[in-house]
Structures are given as structure tokens and as C-alpha cells.
Amino acid sequence: MLLNISYNNPDIKEKIDREVGKTLTLSDRFKLKGSGSPRLIITSVSIDIHNLLILDNNRNTCNIEIRPGGIIVRFRSILETYALVIPFWKLKIYKGKAKEYSIYRDHYFIKVEAKDENVHKFFKKLIAYKDDNAPTRIDDL
């Protein structure tokens, strides 16, 4: 779900909380050693997101926030802030090239550079958190 979160709208905030849960508690953030990613440089995106990003000439960057039921990928275009809300059961993460990660939800995708070791550590943490907190599969029962 791609949303404009520039303005304080309680309906949008409620949609996000229903989809991926409320923000992690302070103790959970300490256990994870942080719930946010470093600034990630976008290399490629799906057409819907591309149409938003080409409106300005700034460097395309994003960040990821871990929530109890999924993640939120935030990025800016012009003066607006957008969020791609992805619950764990729809989240797919691929590492295609050696220094690039791909994040997918349905027909949306964002590919980010991973030249820094901190980015690799964050994605390892995200994948481990997803494995621990994603809903169980029917095959596992």
C-alpha cells in the first residue's frame, strides 16, 4: 500500500497501524539495537514509485522502519513524504547483485544500494526479525 504521509491524518495512521502494527516499544528497539535503517540509495523502482520520484532532481533515497507486523519504506518526492507499507506476509527480499537488495510487495518494488557494511547488517537483522515474527505457514503445522 503506497500512501502519502506528509500530513497528520488519523485515518492514514490507523491504516498503517492495522497493516503492520504500532511502532516498536523502547525495550524492543534496544533488543534489536535500532529499528530503523541507515539512509539507503535507491537504484531502481516500480513504475508507480518511479512516477513520483522523477518529479524532482534530488538524489533518490529512502529508509526502512521495522514494525511488529512488517516494514515501512519511506521516501520523499518534491515536498511530500510517501510510505510503502509492507506486512511480513507480503514482504519479499532478494539480494540479486552483490551490492544491491530488492524489496517487493505485490507489484511494487524498490532496489537499494548496499555498498556499506551497515546496510548489510540491517538487512540481516530485518530478515531475522521477519523469520521470528512472520505468521506461521500452513506447511509448518
C-alpha atoms as a PDB file:
ATOM      1  CA  MET A   1       0.000   0.000   0.000  1.00  0.00           C
ATOM      2  CA  LEU A   2       1.566   3.282  -1.152  1.00  0.00           C
ATOM      3  CA  LEU A   3       0.437   6.272   0.933  1.00  0.00           C
ATOM      4  CA  ASN A   4       1.173   9.983   1.162  1.00  0.00           C
ATOM      5  CA  ILE A   5       2.038  10.546   4.837  1.00  0.00           C
ATOM      6  CA  SER A   6       3.060  14.198   4.623  1.00  0.00           C
ATOM      7  CA  TYR A   7       0.131  15.396   6.681  1.00  0.00           C
ATOM      8  CA  ASN A   8      -1.078  14.297  10.109  1.00  0.00           C
ATOM      9  CA  ASN A   9      -4.126  12.292   9.050  1.00  0.00           C
ATOM     10  CA  PRO A  10      -5.535   9.933  11.726  1.00  0.00           C
ATOM     11  CA  ASP A  11      -7.190   7.706   9.097  1.00  0.00           C
ATOM     12  CA  ILE A  12      -3.889   7.026   7.323  1.00  0.00           C
ATOM     13  CA  LYS A  13      -2.119   6.463  10.647  1.00  0.00           C
ATOM     14  CA  GLU A  14      -4.805   3.922  11.589  1.00  0.00           C
ATOM     15  CA  LYS A  15      -4.458   2.131   8.221  1.00  0.00           C
ATOM     16  CA  ILE A  16      -0.709   1.795   8.739  1.00  0.00           C
ATOM     17  CA  ASP A  17      -1.137   0.541  12.325  1.00  0.00           C
ATOM     18  CA  ARG A  18      -3.683  -2.075  11.173  1.00  0.00           C
ATOM     19  CA  GLU A  19      -1.401  -3.253   8.381  1.00  0.00           C
ATOM     20  CA  VAL A  20       1.968  -3.514  10.197  1.00  0.00           C
ATOM     21  CA  GLY A  21       1.266  -2.675  13.858  1.00  0.00           C
ATOM     22  CA  LYS A  22       2.244   0.253  16.041  1.00  0.00           C
ATOM     23  CA  THR A  23       5.861   1.339  16.449  1.00  0.00           C
ATOM     24  CA  LEU A  24       8.098  -0.960  18.467  1.00  0.00           C
ATOM     25  CA  THR A  25       8.391  -0.263  22.183  1.00  0.00           C
ATOM     26  CA  LEU A  26      11.573   1.255  23.510  1.00  0.00           C
ATOM     27  CA  SER A  27      12.696  -2.045  25.042  1.00  0.00           C
ATOM     28  CA  ASP A  28      12.118  -3.865  21.725  1.00  0.00           C
ATOM     29  CA  ARG A  29      14.202  -1.238  19.922  1.00  0.00           C
ATOM     30  CA  PHE A  30      17.033  -1.746  22.431  1.00  0.00           C
ATOM     31  CA  LYS A  31      16.874  -5.520  21.929  1.00  0.00           C
ATOM     32  CA  LEU A  32      17.076  -5.048  18.156  1.00  0.00           C
ATOM     33  CA  LYS A  33      19.780  -2.374  18.521  1.00  0.00           C
ATOM     34  CA  GLY A  34      17.629   0.013  16.497  1.00  0.00           C
ATOM     35  CA  SER A  35      14.541  -0.386  14.329  1.00  0.00           C
ATOM     36  CA  GLY A  36      15.491   1.979  11.503  1.00  0.00           C
ATOM     37  CA  SER A  37      17.830   1.599   8.577  1.00  0.00           C
ATOM     38  CA  PRO A  38      20.634   3.901   7.531  1.00  0.00           C
ATOM     39  CA  ARG A  39      19.868   6.125   4.541  1.00  0.00           C
ATOM     40  CA  LEU A  40      19.508   3.848   1.523  1.00  0.00           C
ATOM     41  CA  ILE A  41      20.203   4.982  -2.037  1.00  0.00           C
ATOM     42  CA  ILE A  42      17.518   3.869  -4.484  1.00  0.00           C
ATOM     43  CA  THR A  43      18.788   2.315  -7.718  1.00  0.00           C
ATOM     44  CA  SER A  44      15.550   1.099  -9.309  1.00  0.00           C
ATOM     45  CA  VAL A  45      11.807   1.207  -8.544  1.00  0.00           C
ATOM     46  CA  SER A  46       8.457   0.085  -9.925  1.00  0.00           C
ATOM     47  CA  ILE A  47       6.590   2.393 -12.305  1.00  0.00           C
ATOM     48  CA  ASP A  48       4.192   3.821  -9.676  1.00  0.00           C
ATOM     49  CA  ILE A  49       7.051   4.906  -7.430  1.00  0.00           C
ATOM     50  CA  HIS A  50       9.164   6.000 -10.414  1.00  0.00           C
ATOM     51  CA  ASN A  51       6.419   8.440 -11.457  1.00  0.00           C
ATOM     52  CA  LEU A  52       6.678  10.064  -8.027  1.00  0.00           C
ATOM     53  CA  LEU A  53      10.483  10.162  -7.850  1.00  0.00           C
ATOM     54  CA  ILE A  54      11.058  11.792 -11.257  1.00  0.00           C
ATOM     55  CA  LEU A  55       9.180  14.926 -10.191  1.00  0.00           C
ATOM     56  CA  ASP A  56      12.319  16.393  -8.597  1.00  0.00           C
ATOM     57  CA  ASN A  57      16.054  16.279  -9.291  1.00  0.00           C
ATOM     58  CA  ASN A  58      17.196  15.233  -5.836  1.00  0.00           C
ATOM     59  CA  ARG A  59      19.086  12.023  -5.133  1.00  0.00           C
ATOM     60  CA  ASN A  60      16.549   9.272  -4.532  1.00  0.00           C
ATOM     61  CA  THR A  61      16.947   7.899  -1.026  1.00  0.00           C
ATOM     62  CA  CYS A  62      14.729   6.014   1.382  1.00  0.00           C
ATOM     63  CA  ASN A  63      14.780   4.489   4.840  1.00  0.00           C
ATOM     64  CA  ILE A  64      13.097   1.464   6.377  1.00  0.00           C
ATOM     65  CA  GLU A  65      11.354   1.201   9.731  1.00  0.00           C
ATOM     66  CA  ILE A  66      10.742  -2.202  11.291  1.00  0.00           C
ATOM     67  CA  ARG A  67       7.307  -2.654  12.856  1.00  0.00           C
ATOM     68  CA  PRO A  68       5.909  -5.710  14.716  1.00  0.00           C
ATOM     69  CA  GLY A  69       3.954  -6.917  11.675  1.00  0.00           C
ATOM     70  CA  GLY A  70       6.009  -5.594   8.766  1.00  0.00           C
ATOM     71  CA  ILE A  71       8.064  -2.689   7.482  1.00  0.00           C
ATOM     72  CA  ILE A  72       7.517   0.839   6.231  1.00  0.00           C
ATOM     73  CA  VAL A  73       9.736   2.131   3.421  1.00  0.00           C
ATOM     74  CA  ARG A  74       9.708   5.939   3.443  1.00  0.00           C
ATOM     75  CA  PHE A  75      10.921   8.236   0.669  1.00  0.00           C
ATOM     76  CA  ARG A  76      10.445  11.865  -0.352  1.00  0.00           C
ATOM     77  CA  SER A  77       9.457  13.485  -3.613  1.00  0.00           C
ATOM     78  CA  ILE A  78       9.287  17.250  -4.001  1.00  0.00           C
ATOM     79  CA  LEU A  79       7.964  18.285  -0.561  1.00  0.00           C
ATOM     80  CA  GLU A  80       5.841  15.195   0.076  1.00  0.00           C
ATOM     81  CA  THR A  81       6.694  12.094   2.105  1.00  0.00           C
ATOM     82  CA  TYR A  82       5.460   8.713   0.892  1.00  0.00           C
ATOM     83  CA  ALA A  83       5.344   5.342   2.620  1.00  0.00           C
ATOM     84  CA  LEU A  84       5.274   1.886   1.114  1.00  0.00           C
ATOM     85  CA  VAL A  85       3.674  -0.232   3.836  1.00  0.00           C
ATOM     86  CA  ILE A  86       4.563  -3.940   3.594  1.00  0.00           C
ATOM     87  CA  PRO A  87       3.300  -6.590   6.047  1.00  0.00           C
ATOM     88  CA  PHE A  88       5.670  -9.509   6.596  1.00  0.00           C
ATOM     89  CA  TRP A  89       3.407 -11.966   4.809  1.00  0.00           C
ATOM     90  CA  LYS A  90       3.720  -9.914   1.592  1.00  0.00           C
ATOM     91  CA  LEU A  91       7.386  -8.916   2.008  1.00  0.00           C
ATOM     92  CA  LYS A  92       9.949 -10.448  -0.329  1.00  0.00           C
ATOM     93  CA  ILE A  93      13.627  -9.522  -0.036  1.00  0.00           C
ATOM     94  CA  TYR A  94      16.137 -10.560  -2.680  1.00  0.00           C
ATOM     95  CA  LYS A  95      19.841  -9.978  -2.982  1.00  0.00           C
ATOM     96  CA  GLY A  96      20.409 -10.022  -6.708  1.00  0.00           C
ATOM     97  CA  LYS A  97      23.746  -8.329  -7.173  1.00  0.00           C
ATOM     98  CA  ALA A  98      26.492  -8.368  -4.560  1.00  0.00           C
ATOM     99  CA  LYS A  99      25.774  -4.781  -3.526  1.00  0.00           C
ATOM    100  CA  GLU A 100      22.026  -4.468  -4.078  1.00  0.00           C
ATOM    101  CA  TYR A 101      18.896  -5.558  -2.209  1.00  0.00           C
ATOM    102  CA  SER A 102      15.409  -5.710  -3.695  1.00  0.00           C
ATOM    103  CA  ILE A 103      12.260  -5.221  -1.600  1.00  0.00           C
ATOM    104  CA  TYR A 104       8.971  -6.409  -3.117  1.00  0.00           C
ATOM    105  CA  ARG A 105       5.277  -6.124  -2.264  1.00  0.00           C
ATOM    106  CA  ASP A 106       2.820  -7.266  -4.939  1.00  0.00           C
ATOM    107  CA  HIS A 107       3.584  -5.081  -7.988  1.00  0.00           C
ATOM    108  CA  TYR A 108       5.690  -2.529  -6.052  1.00  0.00           C
ATOM    109  CA  PHE A 109       9.451  -2.911  -5.723  1.00  0.00           C
ATOM    110  CA  ILE A 110      12.420  -0.835  -4.590  1.00  0.00           C
ATOM    111  CA  LYS A 111      16.059  -1.752  -5.179  1.00  0.00           C
ATOM    112  CA  VAL A 112      18.683  -0.158  -2.940  1.00  0.00           C
ATOM    113  CA  GLU A 113      22.484   0.013  -2.913  1.00  0.00           C
ATOM    114  CA  ALA A 114      24.365  -1.903  -0.235  1.00  0.00           C
ATOM    115  CA  LYS A 115      27.912  -0.602  -0.505  1.00  0.00           C
ATOM    116  CA  ASP A 116      28.245  -0.038   3.250  1.00  0.00           C
ATOM    117  CA  GLU A 117      28.574  -2.826   5.833  1.00  0.00           C
ATOM    118  CA  ASN A 118      25.848  -1.184   7.963  1.00  0.00           C
ATOM    119  CA  VAL A 119      23.306  -1.777   5.192  1.00  0.00           C
ATOM    120  CA  HIS A 120      24.174  -5.494   5.060  1.00  0.00           C
ATOM    121  CA  LYS A 121      23.864  -5.729   8.852  1.00  0.00           C
ATOM    122  CA  PHE A 122      20.461  -4.030   8.772  1.00  0.00           C
ATOM    123  CA  PHE A 123      19.092  -6.395   6.134  1.00  0.00           C
ATOM    124  CA  LYS A 124      20.381  -9.414   8.087  1.00  0.00           C
ATOM    125  CA  LYS A 125      18.603  -8.040  11.161  1.00  0.00           C
ATOM    126  CA  LEU A 126      15.420  -7.423   9.136  1.00  0.00           C
ATOM    127  CA  ILE A 127      15.379 -10.937   7.679  1.00  0.00           C
ATOM    128  CA  ALA A 128      15.977 -12.498  11.114  1.00  0.00           C
ATOM    129  CA  TYR A 129      13.189 -10.364  12.647  1.00  0.00           C
ATOM    130  CA  LYS A 130      10.847 -11.320   9.809  1.00  0.00           C
ATOM    131  CA  ASP A 131      11.571 -15.024  10.345  1.00  0.00           C
ATOM    132  CA  ASP A 132      10.854 -14.722  14.067  1.00  0.00           C
ATOM    133  CA  ASN A 133       7.673 -12.637  13.770  1.00  0.00           C
ATOM    134  CA  ALA A 134       6.022 -13.585  10.481  1.00  0.00           C
ATOM    135  CA  PRO A 135       2.805 -15.612  10.721  1.00  0.00           C
ATOM    136  CA  THR A 136       3.307 -19.362  10.637  1.00  0.00           C
ATOM    137  CA  ARG A 137       2.785 -21.168   7.392  1.00  0.00           C
ATOM    138  CA  ILE A 138       0.335 -23.992   6.948  1.00  0.00           C
ATOM    139  CA  ASP A 139       3.217 -26.229   5.870  1.00  0.00           C
ATOM    140  CA  ASP A 140       4.883 -25.712   9.268  1.00  0.00           C
ATOM    141  CA  LEU A 141       1.946 -27.153  11.226  1.00  0.00           C
END
